[in-house]
N, C-alpha and C. Protein backbone atom coordinates (compact mmCIF):
# COMPACT_ATOMS: atom_id res chain seq x y z
N UNK A 1 -1.19 17.29 4.51
CA UNK A 1 -2.03 16.48 5.39
C UNK A 1 -1.77 15.00 5.10
N UNK A 2 -1.52 14.25 6.11
CA UNK A 2 -1.29 12.82 5.97
C UNK A 2 -2.52 12.08 6.50
N UNK A 3 -2.94 11.10 5.75
CA UNK A 3 -4.10 10.30 6.16
C UNK A 3 -3.73 9.43 7.36
N UNK A 4 -4.73 8.88 7.99
CA UNK A 4 -4.50 7.92 9.07
C UNK A 4 -4.82 6.52 8.55
N UNK A 5 -4.31 5.48 9.22
CA UNK A 5 -4.69 4.12 8.81
C UNK A 5 -6.20 3.92 8.85
N UNK A 6 -6.86 4.57 9.82
CA UNK A 6 -8.31 4.45 9.93
C UNK A 6 -9.01 5.07 8.72
N UNK A 7 -8.48 6.21 8.22
CA UNK A 7 -9.03 6.81 6.99
C UNK A 7 -8.97 5.81 5.84
N UNK A 8 -7.82 5.16 5.71
CA UNK A 8 -7.63 4.19 4.62
C UNK A 8 -8.59 3.02 4.80
N UNK A 9 -8.67 2.49 6.02
CA UNK A 9 -9.56 1.36 6.29
C UNK A 9 -11.02 1.74 6.03
N UNK A 10 -11.42 2.92 6.47
CA UNK A 10 -12.81 3.35 6.26
C UNK A 10 -13.12 3.53 4.78
N UNK A 11 -12.17 4.06 4.04
CA UNK A 11 -12.39 4.21 2.60
C UNK A 11 -12.54 2.83 1.95
N UNK A 12 -11.68 1.90 2.31
CA UNK A 12 -11.77 0.54 1.76
C UNK A 12 -13.14 -0.05 2.08
N UNK A 13 -13.57 0.08 3.34
CA UNK A 13 -14.87 -0.48 3.74
C UNK A 13 -16.04 0.20 3.01
N UNK A 14 -15.87 1.46 2.63
CA UNK A 14 -16.94 2.16 1.93
C UNK A 14 -17.04 1.75 0.46
N UNK A 15 -15.97 1.16 -0.07
CA UNK A 15 -15.90 0.81 -1.49
C UNK A 15 -15.98 -0.68 -1.76
N UNK A 16 -15.90 -1.50 -0.71
CA UNK A 16 -15.64 -2.91 -0.90
C UNK A 16 -16.23 -3.70 0.26
N UNK A 17 -16.81 -4.85 -0.03
CA UNK A 17 -17.31 -5.74 1.02
C UNK A 17 -16.18 -6.68 1.43
N UNK A 18 -15.75 -6.53 2.65
CA UNK A 18 -14.61 -7.30 3.16
C UNK A 18 -15.02 -8.70 3.59
N UNK A 19 -14.05 -9.62 3.52
CA UNK A 19 -14.28 -10.97 4.04
C UNK A 19 -13.83 -11.08 5.49
N UNK A 20 -13.24 -10.02 6.05
CA UNK A 20 -12.82 -10.05 7.45
C UNK A 20 -11.64 -9.15 7.72
N UNK A 21 -11.18 -9.20 8.98
CA UNK A 21 -10.11 -8.33 9.43
C UNK A 21 -8.78 -8.59 8.73
N UNK A 22 -8.48 -9.85 8.46
CA UNK A 22 -7.20 -10.16 7.81
C UNK A 22 -7.15 -9.51 6.43
N UNK A 23 -8.24 -9.61 5.69
CA UNK A 23 -8.28 -8.99 4.37
C UNK A 23 -8.12 -7.47 4.49
N UNK A 24 -8.79 -6.85 5.46
CA UNK A 24 -8.66 -5.40 5.65
C UNK A 24 -7.22 -5.03 5.95
N UNK A 25 -6.58 -5.75 6.87
CA UNK A 25 -5.19 -5.45 7.21
C UNK A 25 -4.28 -5.52 5.99
N UNK A 26 -4.47 -6.54 5.17
CA UNK A 26 -3.60 -6.69 4.00
C UNK A 26 -3.89 -5.61 2.95
N UNK A 27 -5.15 -5.25 2.78
CA UNK A 27 -5.48 -4.19 1.81
C UNK A 27 -4.92 -2.84 2.27
N UNK A 28 -4.93 -2.59 3.59
CA UNK A 28 -4.33 -1.36 4.11
C UNK A 28 -2.82 -1.39 3.89
N UNK A 29 -2.21 -2.54 4.17
CA UNK A 29 -0.76 -2.69 3.93
C UNK A 29 -0.41 -2.45 2.47
N UNK A 30 -1.11 -3.12 1.57
CA UNK A 30 -0.81 -2.94 0.15
C UNK A 30 -1.13 -1.52 -0.32
N UNK A 31 -2.13 -0.88 0.28
CA UNK A 31 -2.43 0.51 -0.06
C UNK A 31 -1.25 1.41 0.30
N UNK A 32 -0.69 1.18 1.49
CA UNK A 32 0.49 1.94 1.90
C UNK A 32 1.65 1.69 0.93
N UNK A 33 1.90 0.43 0.64
CA UNK A 33 3.02 0.06 -0.23
C UNK A 33 2.88 0.69 -1.62
N UNK A 34 1.74 0.49 -2.23
CA UNK A 34 1.58 0.94 -3.61
C UNK A 34 1.38 2.44 -3.72
N UNK A 35 0.88 3.08 -2.67
CA UNK A 35 0.81 4.55 -2.70
C UNK A 35 2.24 5.11 -2.70
N UNK A 36 3.14 4.50 -1.94
CA UNK A 36 4.53 4.95 -1.96
C UNK A 36 5.14 4.77 -3.34
N UNK A 37 4.82 3.67 -4.00
CA UNK A 37 5.34 3.41 -5.34
C UNK A 37 4.75 4.40 -6.35
N UNK A 38 3.44 4.57 -6.31
CA UNK A 38 2.76 5.38 -7.32
C UNK A 38 2.87 6.87 -7.08
N UNK A 39 3.06 7.29 -5.82
CA UNK A 39 3.06 8.72 -5.50
C UNK A 39 4.32 9.21 -4.80
N UNK A 40 5.22 8.29 -4.45
CA UNK A 40 6.48 8.70 -3.85
C UNK A 40 6.40 9.10 -2.39
N UNK A 41 5.28 8.84 -1.73
CA UNK A 41 5.14 9.19 -0.32
C UNK A 41 4.17 8.22 0.36
N UNK A 42 4.32 8.04 1.68
CA UNK A 42 3.41 7.13 2.38
C UNK A 42 2.01 7.73 2.52
N UNK A 43 1.03 6.85 2.67
CA UNK A 43 -0.35 7.27 2.95
C UNK A 43 -0.50 7.73 4.40
N UNK A 44 0.16 7.01 5.32
CA UNK A 44 0.04 7.30 6.74
C UNK A 44 1.38 7.06 7.42
N UNK A 45 1.52 7.63 8.62
CA UNK A 45 2.79 7.56 9.35
C UNK A 45 2.92 6.35 10.25
N UNK A 46 1.82 5.80 10.67
CA UNK A 46 1.83 4.70 11.64
C UNK A 46 2.61 3.50 11.10
N UNK A 47 3.38 2.82 11.96
CA UNK A 47 4.16 1.68 11.49
C UNK A 47 3.29 0.47 11.16
N UNK A 48 3.85 -0.38 10.31
CA UNK A 48 3.25 -1.67 9.98
C UNK A 48 4.18 -2.72 10.58
N UNK A 49 3.60 -3.65 11.34
CA UNK A 49 4.40 -4.64 12.05
C UNK A 49 4.30 -6.01 11.39
N UNK A 50 5.35 -6.81 11.54
CA UNK A 50 5.42 -8.15 10.94
C UNK A 50 4.89 -9.19 11.92
N UNK A 51 3.56 -9.31 11.98
CA UNK A 51 2.92 -10.26 12.87
C UNK A 51 2.89 -11.64 12.23
N UNK A 52 2.47 -12.64 12.99
CA UNK A 52 2.39 -14.01 12.51
C UNK A 52 1.52 -14.10 11.26
N UNK A 53 0.39 -13.40 11.26
CA UNK A 53 -0.53 -13.49 10.12
C UNK A 53 -0.16 -12.56 8.97
N UNK A 54 0.98 -11.90 9.06
CA UNK A 54 1.42 -11.00 8.01
C UNK A 54 1.50 -9.57 8.52
N UNK A 55 1.65 -8.61 7.61
CA UNK A 55 1.74 -7.20 8.02
C UNK A 55 0.45 -6.72 8.69
N UNK A 56 0.61 -5.99 9.80
CA UNK A 56 -0.54 -5.52 10.57
C UNK A 56 -0.28 -4.09 11.05
N UNK A 57 -1.33 -3.26 10.95
CA UNK A 57 -1.34 -1.94 11.58
C UNK A 57 -2.07 -2.13 12.91
N UNK A 58 -1.31 -2.01 13.99
CA UNK A 58 -1.83 -2.33 15.32
C UNK A 58 -3.13 -1.59 15.65
N UNK A 59 -3.24 -0.32 15.31
CA UNK A 59 -4.43 0.46 15.67
C UNK A 59 -5.69 -0.02 14.96
N UNK A 60 -5.54 -0.81 13.91
CA UNK A 60 -6.70 -1.30 13.16
C UNK A 60 -7.19 -2.66 13.65
N UNK A 61 -6.52 -3.24 14.64
CA UNK A 61 -6.96 -4.54 15.16
C UNK A 61 -8.39 -4.45 15.63
N UNK A 62 -9.18 -5.41 15.20
CA UNK A 62 -10.58 -5.56 15.62
C UNK A 62 -11.47 -4.39 15.21
N UNK A 63 -11.16 -3.75 14.07
CA UNK A 63 -12.01 -2.65 13.59
C UNK A 63 -12.72 -2.99 12.29
N UNK A 64 -12.50 -4.19 11.76
CA UNK A 64 -13.07 -4.54 10.45
C UNK A 64 -14.59 -4.49 10.45
N UNK A 65 -15.22 -4.86 11.55
CA UNK A 65 -16.69 -4.91 11.60
C UNK A 65 -17.31 -3.53 11.79
N UNK A 66 -16.54 -2.57 12.26
CA UNK A 66 -17.08 -1.23 12.50
C UNK A 66 -17.49 -0.58 11.18
N UNK A 67 -18.57 0.18 11.25
CA UNK A 67 -19.03 0.89 10.05
C UNK A 67 -18.02 1.99 9.74
N UNK A 68 -17.79 2.23 8.44
CA UNK A 68 -16.84 3.29 8.08
C UNK A 68 -17.36 4.66 8.51
N UNK A 69 -16.44 5.48 8.97
CA UNK A 69 -16.80 6.86 9.31
C UNK A 69 -16.27 7.75 8.19
N UNK A 70 -16.29 9.03 8.41
CA UNK A 70 -15.77 9.95 7.40
C UNK A 70 -14.27 9.72 7.26
N UNK A 71 -13.79 9.84 6.05
CA UNK A 71 -12.36 9.68 5.80
C UNK A 71 -11.86 10.92 5.08
N UNK A 72 -10.64 11.29 5.38
CA UNK A 72 -10.06 12.50 4.81
C UNK A 72 -8.91 12.09 3.89
N UNK A 73 -9.22 11.87 2.63
CA UNK A 73 -8.23 11.42 1.66
C UNK A 73 -8.26 12.32 0.42
N UNK A 74 -7.09 12.49 -0.19
CA UNK A 74 -7.03 13.23 -1.45
C UNK A 74 -7.48 12.33 -2.59
N UNK A 75 -7.71 12.92 -3.73
CA UNK A 75 -8.09 12.12 -4.91
C UNK A 75 -6.97 11.16 -5.30
N UNK A 76 -5.70 11.57 -5.21
CA UNK A 76 -4.58 10.68 -5.50
C UNK A 76 -4.57 9.49 -4.55
N UNK A 77 -4.82 9.74 -3.27
CA UNK A 77 -4.86 8.66 -2.29
C UNK A 77 -5.99 7.68 -2.61
N UNK A 78 -7.14 8.22 -2.94
CA UNK A 78 -8.28 7.36 -3.29
C UNK A 78 -7.98 6.52 -4.54
N UNK A 79 -7.35 7.12 -5.53
CA UNK A 79 -7.02 6.37 -6.75
C UNK A 79 -6.03 5.23 -6.45
N UNK A 80 -5.06 5.49 -5.59
CA UNK A 80 -4.10 4.44 -5.22
C UNK A 80 -4.81 3.29 -4.51
N UNK A 81 -5.68 3.63 -3.56
CA UNK A 81 -6.41 2.61 -2.81
C UNK A 81 -7.34 1.84 -3.74
N UNK A 82 -8.02 2.55 -4.64
CA UNK A 82 -8.90 1.88 -5.60
C UNK A 82 -8.13 0.88 -6.45
N UNK A 83 -6.92 1.25 -6.85
CA UNK A 83 -6.09 0.33 -7.65
C UNK A 83 -5.74 -0.92 -6.85
N UNK A 84 -5.44 -0.74 -5.57
CA UNK A 84 -5.13 -1.88 -4.69
C UNK A 84 -6.36 -2.77 -4.54
N UNK A 85 -7.52 -2.17 -4.31
CA UNK A 85 -8.76 -2.95 -4.16
C UNK A 85 -9.01 -3.75 -5.44
N UNK A 86 -8.85 -3.11 -6.57
CA UNK A 86 -9.09 -3.81 -7.83
C UNK A 86 -8.11 -4.97 -8.03
N UNK A 87 -6.86 -4.77 -7.66
CA UNK A 87 -5.84 -5.80 -7.89
C UNK A 87 -5.87 -6.91 -6.85
N UNK A 88 -5.97 -6.56 -5.58
CA UNK A 88 -5.87 -7.54 -4.50
C UNK A 88 -7.21 -7.95 -3.91
N UNK A 89 -8.26 -7.18 -4.14
CA UNK A 89 -9.54 -7.42 -3.50
C UNK A 89 -10.21 -8.72 -3.91
N UNK A 90 -9.76 -9.33 -4.98
CA UNK A 90 -10.35 -10.61 -5.41
C UNK A 90 -9.90 -11.76 -4.52
N UNK A 91 -8.94 -11.53 -3.65
CA UNK A 91 -8.40 -12.58 -2.78
C UNK A 91 -8.92 -12.44 -1.35
N UNK A 92 -9.22 -13.56 -0.73
CA UNK A 92 -9.60 -13.56 0.68
C UNK A 92 -8.39 -13.23 1.55
N UNK A 93 -8.66 -12.87 2.79
CA UNK A 93 -7.61 -12.45 3.70
C UNK A 93 -6.49 -13.45 3.88
N UNK A 94 -6.84 -14.74 4.02
CA UNK A 94 -5.79 -15.73 4.28
C UNK A 94 -4.92 -15.94 3.05
N UNK A 95 -5.49 -15.78 1.86
CA UNK A 95 -4.69 -15.86 0.64
C UNK A 95 -3.70 -14.70 0.60
N UNK A 96 -4.18 -13.51 0.95
CA UNK A 96 -3.30 -12.34 0.99
C UNK A 96 -2.24 -12.49 2.07
N UNK A 97 -2.62 -13.07 3.21
CA UNK A 97 -1.67 -13.31 4.28
C UNK A 97 -0.56 -14.25 3.81
N UNK A 98 -0.95 -15.34 3.18
CA UNK A 98 0.05 -16.27 2.65
C UNK A 98 0.93 -15.61 1.60
N UNK A 99 0.34 -14.73 0.81
CA UNK A 99 1.13 -14.03 -0.22
C UNK A 99 2.18 -13.14 0.45
N UNK A 100 1.79 -12.41 1.50
CA UNK A 100 2.77 -11.54 2.17
C UNK A 100 3.88 -12.36 2.82
N UNK A 101 3.57 -13.60 3.18
CA UNK A 101 4.59 -14.48 3.79
C UNK A 101 5.65 -14.89 2.78
N UNK A 102 5.40 -14.66 1.50
CA UNK A 102 6.37 -14.98 0.46
C UNK A 102 7.13 -13.74 0.00
N UNK A 103 6.75 -12.59 0.51
CA UNK A 103 7.33 -11.33 0.04
C UNK A 103 8.41 -10.82 0.99
N UNK A 104 9.45 -10.25 0.42
CA UNK A 104 10.64 -9.85 1.15
C UNK A 104 10.40 -8.94 2.36
N UNK A 105 9.54 -7.93 2.29
CA UNK A 105 9.41 -7.06 3.48
C UNK A 105 9.02 -7.81 4.75
N UNK A 106 8.04 -8.69 4.66
CA UNK A 106 7.61 -9.45 5.84
C UNK A 106 8.67 -10.49 6.21
N UNK A 107 9.17 -11.23 5.21
CA UNK A 107 10.15 -12.29 5.46
C UNK A 107 11.40 -11.73 6.12
N UNK A 108 11.95 -10.66 5.56
CA UNK A 108 13.18 -10.09 6.09
C UNK A 108 12.98 -9.50 7.49
N UNK A 109 11.85 -8.87 7.71
CA UNK A 109 11.57 -8.29 9.02
C UNK A 109 11.40 -9.37 10.08
N UNK A 110 10.75 -10.45 9.74
CA UNK A 110 10.58 -11.56 10.69
C UNK A 110 11.92 -12.22 10.99
N UNK A 111 12.80 -12.25 10.01
CA UNK A 111 14.13 -12.81 10.23
C UNK A 111 14.09 -14.24 10.67
N UNK A 112 14.74 -14.54 11.79
CA UNK A 112 14.87 -15.92 12.27
C UNK A 112 13.77 -16.32 13.25
N UNK A 113 12.72 -15.53 13.36
CA UNK A 113 11.62 -15.91 14.26
C UNK A 113 10.94 -17.17 13.75
N UNK A 114 10.46 -17.98 14.67
CA UNK A 114 9.71 -19.16 14.25
C UNK A 114 8.36 -18.72 13.67
N UNK A 115 7.71 -19.60 12.93
CA UNK A 115 6.47 -19.27 12.21
C UNK A 115 5.38 -18.73 13.13
N UNK A 116 5.32 -19.20 14.37
CA UNK A 116 4.25 -18.79 15.29
C UNK A 116 4.70 -17.82 16.38
N UNK A 117 5.92 -17.31 16.27
CA UNK A 117 6.42 -16.39 17.29
C UNK A 117 5.80 -15.01 17.12
N UNK A 118 5.28 -14.45 18.22
CA UNK A 118 4.74 -13.09 18.12
C UNK A 118 5.86 -12.10 17.81
N UNK A 119 5.48 -11.01 17.16
CA UNK A 119 6.47 -9.99 16.82
C UNK A 119 5.80 -8.64 16.71
N UNK A 120 6.52 -7.62 17.15
CA UNK A 120 6.07 -6.26 16.92
C UNK A 120 7.13 -5.50 16.10
N UNK A 121 7.97 -6.26 15.41
CA UNK A 121 9.00 -5.66 14.57
C UNK A 121 8.36 -4.84 13.46
N UNK A 122 8.85 -3.61 13.29
CA UNK A 122 8.32 -2.73 12.26
C UNK A 122 8.93 -3.07 10.89
N UNK A 123 8.07 -3.19 9.90
CA UNK A 123 8.53 -3.38 8.52
C UNK A 123 8.90 -1.99 8.00
N UNK A 124 10.15 -1.80 7.62
CA UNK A 124 10.59 -0.46 7.24
C UNK A 124 9.92 0.00 5.95
N UNK A 125 9.59 1.26 5.92
CA UNK A 125 9.00 1.85 4.70
C UNK A 125 9.97 1.75 3.53
N UNK A 126 11.23 1.91 3.84
CA UNK A 126 12.24 1.83 2.77
C UNK A 126 12.22 0.44 2.12
N UNK A 127 12.14 -0.60 2.94
CA UNK A 127 12.09 -1.96 2.43
C UNK A 127 10.81 -2.20 1.63
N UNK A 128 9.69 -1.73 2.15
CA UNK A 128 8.41 -1.87 1.44
C UNK A 128 8.49 -1.18 0.09
N UNK A 129 8.92 0.07 0.11
CA UNK A 129 8.96 0.86 -1.14
C UNK A 129 9.89 0.23 -2.16
N UNK A 130 11.04 -0.19 -1.73
CA UNK A 130 12.01 -0.80 -2.64
C UNK A 130 11.45 -2.07 -3.27
N UNK A 131 10.88 -2.95 -2.44
CA UNK A 131 10.37 -4.23 -2.94
C UNK A 131 9.24 -4.03 -3.96
N UNK A 132 8.28 -3.19 -3.64
CA UNK A 132 7.14 -3.03 -4.54
C UNK A 132 7.48 -2.14 -5.74
N UNK A 133 8.48 -1.28 -5.61
CA UNK A 133 8.96 -0.54 -6.78
C UNK A 133 9.57 -1.50 -7.79
N UNK A 134 10.33 -2.47 -7.29
CA UNK A 134 10.89 -3.50 -8.18
C UNK A 134 9.77 -4.27 -8.88
N UNK A 135 8.71 -4.62 -8.14
CA UNK A 135 7.57 -5.29 -8.77
C UNK A 135 6.96 -4.42 -9.86
N UNK A 136 6.77 -3.16 -9.55
CA UNK A 136 6.17 -2.24 -10.51
C UNK A 136 7.02 -2.13 -11.78
N UNK A 137 8.33 -2.10 -11.61
CA UNK A 137 9.22 -1.98 -12.77
C UNK A 137 9.20 -3.25 -13.62
N UNK A 138 8.79 -4.37 -13.04
CA UNK A 138 8.63 -5.61 -13.81
C UNK A 138 7.22 -5.71 -14.41
N UNK A 139 6.40 -4.69 -14.18
CA UNK A 139 5.04 -4.69 -14.71
C UNK A 139 4.06 -5.45 -13.85
N UNK A 140 4.42 -5.73 -12.60
CA UNK A 140 3.54 -6.46 -11.68
C UNK A 140 2.84 -5.49 -10.75
N UNK A 141 1.73 -5.93 -10.18
CA UNK A 141 1.03 -5.14 -9.18
C UNK A 141 -0.03 -4.24 -9.78
N UNK A 142 -0.68 -3.49 -8.91
CA UNK A 142 -1.77 -2.61 -9.37
C UNK A 142 -1.25 -1.43 -10.18
N UNK A 143 -2.09 -0.96 -11.06
CA UNK A 143 -1.79 0.27 -11.78
C UNK A 143 -2.95 1.21 -11.56
N UNK A 144 -2.64 2.45 -11.48
CA UNK A 144 -3.65 3.46 -11.21
C UNK A 144 -3.93 4.25 -12.47
N UNK A 145 -5.19 4.50 -12.72
CA UNK A 145 -5.57 5.33 -13.85
C UNK A 145 -5.00 6.73 -13.64
N UNK A 146 -4.50 7.31 -14.68
CA UNK A 146 -3.93 8.64 -14.60
C UNK A 146 -5.01 9.68 -14.37
N UNK A 147 -4.66 10.70 -13.63
CA UNK A 147 -5.58 11.82 -13.44
C UNK A 147 -5.38 12.87 -14.52
N UNK A 148 -4.42 12.62 -15.40
CA UNK A 148 -4.15 13.57 -16.47
C UNK A 148 -5.20 13.46 -17.57
N UNK A 149 -5.53 14.55 -18.25
CA UNK A 149 -6.49 14.48 -19.34
C UNK A 149 -5.98 13.62 -20.49
N UNK A 150 -6.90 13.03 -21.22
CA UNK A 150 -6.53 12.15 -22.33
C UNK A 150 -5.87 12.93 -23.46
N UNK A 151 -6.30 14.15 -23.71
CA UNK A 151 -5.73 14.97 -24.78
C UNK A 151 -4.99 16.14 -24.15
N UNK A 152 -3.69 16.14 -24.29
CA UNK A 152 -2.89 17.17 -23.66
C UNK A 152 -2.07 17.91 -24.69
N UNK A 153 -1.77 19.15 -24.39
CA UNK A 153 -0.91 19.94 -25.26
C UNK A 153 0.54 19.55 -25.00
N UNK A 154 1.44 20.02 -25.85
CA UNK A 154 2.86 19.73 -25.66
C UNK A 154 3.36 20.29 -24.33
N UNK A 155 2.93 21.50 -23.97
CA UNK A 155 3.35 22.08 -22.70
C UNK A 155 2.85 21.26 -21.52
N UNK A 156 1.62 20.77 -21.59
CA UNK A 156 1.07 19.94 -20.52
C UNK A 156 1.82 18.62 -20.44
N UNK A 157 2.19 18.05 -21.58
CA UNK A 157 2.94 16.80 -21.60
C UNK A 157 4.31 16.96 -20.95
N UNK A 158 4.97 18.08 -21.23
CA UNK A 158 6.27 18.37 -20.62
C UNK A 158 6.11 18.50 -19.10
N UNK A 159 5.05 19.19 -18.67
CA UNK A 159 4.81 19.37 -17.23
C UNK A 159 4.56 18.03 -16.55
N UNK A 160 3.80 17.14 -17.19
CA UNK A 160 3.54 15.80 -16.65
C UNK A 160 4.85 15.02 -16.56
N UNK A 161 5.66 15.09 -17.59
CA UNK A 161 6.94 14.38 -17.59
C UNK A 161 7.83 14.87 -16.45
N UNK A 162 7.86 16.17 -16.23
CA UNK A 162 8.69 16.72 -15.14
C UNK A 162 8.17 16.26 -13.77
N UNK A 163 6.85 16.25 -13.60
CA UNK A 163 6.28 15.78 -12.33
C UNK A 163 6.61 14.30 -12.12
N UNK A 164 6.49 13.51 -13.17
CA UNK A 164 6.80 12.08 -13.05
C UNK A 164 8.28 11.86 -12.75
N UNK A 165 9.14 12.63 -13.37
CA UNK A 165 10.57 12.50 -13.11
C UNK A 165 10.87 12.82 -11.65
N UNK A 166 10.28 13.89 -11.14
CA UNK A 166 10.50 14.26 -9.74
C UNK A 166 9.94 13.19 -8.81
N UNK A 167 8.78 12.63 -9.16
CA UNK A 167 8.14 11.62 -8.32
C UNK A 167 9.00 10.35 -8.24
N UNK A 168 9.69 10.00 -9.30
CA UNK A 168 10.45 8.76 -9.35
C UNK A 168 11.91 8.90 -8.91
N UNK A 169 12.38 10.12 -8.66
CA UNK A 169 13.79 10.31 -8.31
C UNK A 169 14.20 9.48 -7.08
N UNK A 170 13.39 9.51 -6.02
CA UNK A 170 13.73 8.75 -4.81
C UNK A 170 13.75 7.25 -5.08
N UNK A 171 12.76 6.78 -5.82
CA UNK A 171 12.69 5.34 -6.12
C UNK A 171 13.90 4.90 -6.95
N UNK A 172 14.25 5.69 -7.94
CA UNK A 172 15.40 5.33 -8.78
C UNK A 172 16.71 5.37 -7.98
N UNK A 173 16.83 6.35 -7.09
CA UNK A 173 18.03 6.41 -6.24
C UNK A 173 18.11 5.20 -5.33
N UNK A 174 16.97 4.78 -4.82
CA UNK A 174 16.91 3.61 -3.96
C UNK A 174 17.34 2.36 -4.71
N UNK A 175 16.88 2.23 -5.94
CA UNK A 175 17.24 1.06 -6.75
C UNK A 175 18.71 1.07 -7.17
N UNK A 176 19.28 2.26 -7.28
CA UNK A 176 20.68 2.37 -7.69
C UNK A 176 21.64 1.92 -6.59
N UNK A 177 21.13 1.82 -5.37
CA UNK A 177 22.00 1.45 -4.23
C UNK A 177 22.37 -0.01 -4.29
């Protein structure tokens, strides 16, 4: 089951008091990015576009004020989003927007467009995942608390290591290119 952008937005709104739509859009964007880094798969299928104000999920336009409805997210998805809220939630929307304007996925997707030119260019998931994986490998960005027990047996530790190795195979292959 894949979540929807609205599920992610509703979860964020249920956990956090937003400063506005721009902040919500950026938190949804970073949730998608960091979930791919931390879990090896996207949170939702809908594209993220490189708009003037930064990355935007079109279906979420003008939904920030709406009350959150029920959301269908796994515990892993919630932990990823919680990590993003904790890391990025201290910043207002325009600060996050300016930050995305300095980051490769938005910059590269916008290309030679002028600063105020409208765009519906999709920011590729591959570009997002690669960029934020590099950040993660430098120790930057949000970190998610492990769902693994604090005291594990040797067999459990081996199983965790194997799961982590499988989870990182795509990211490592991407970086090797």
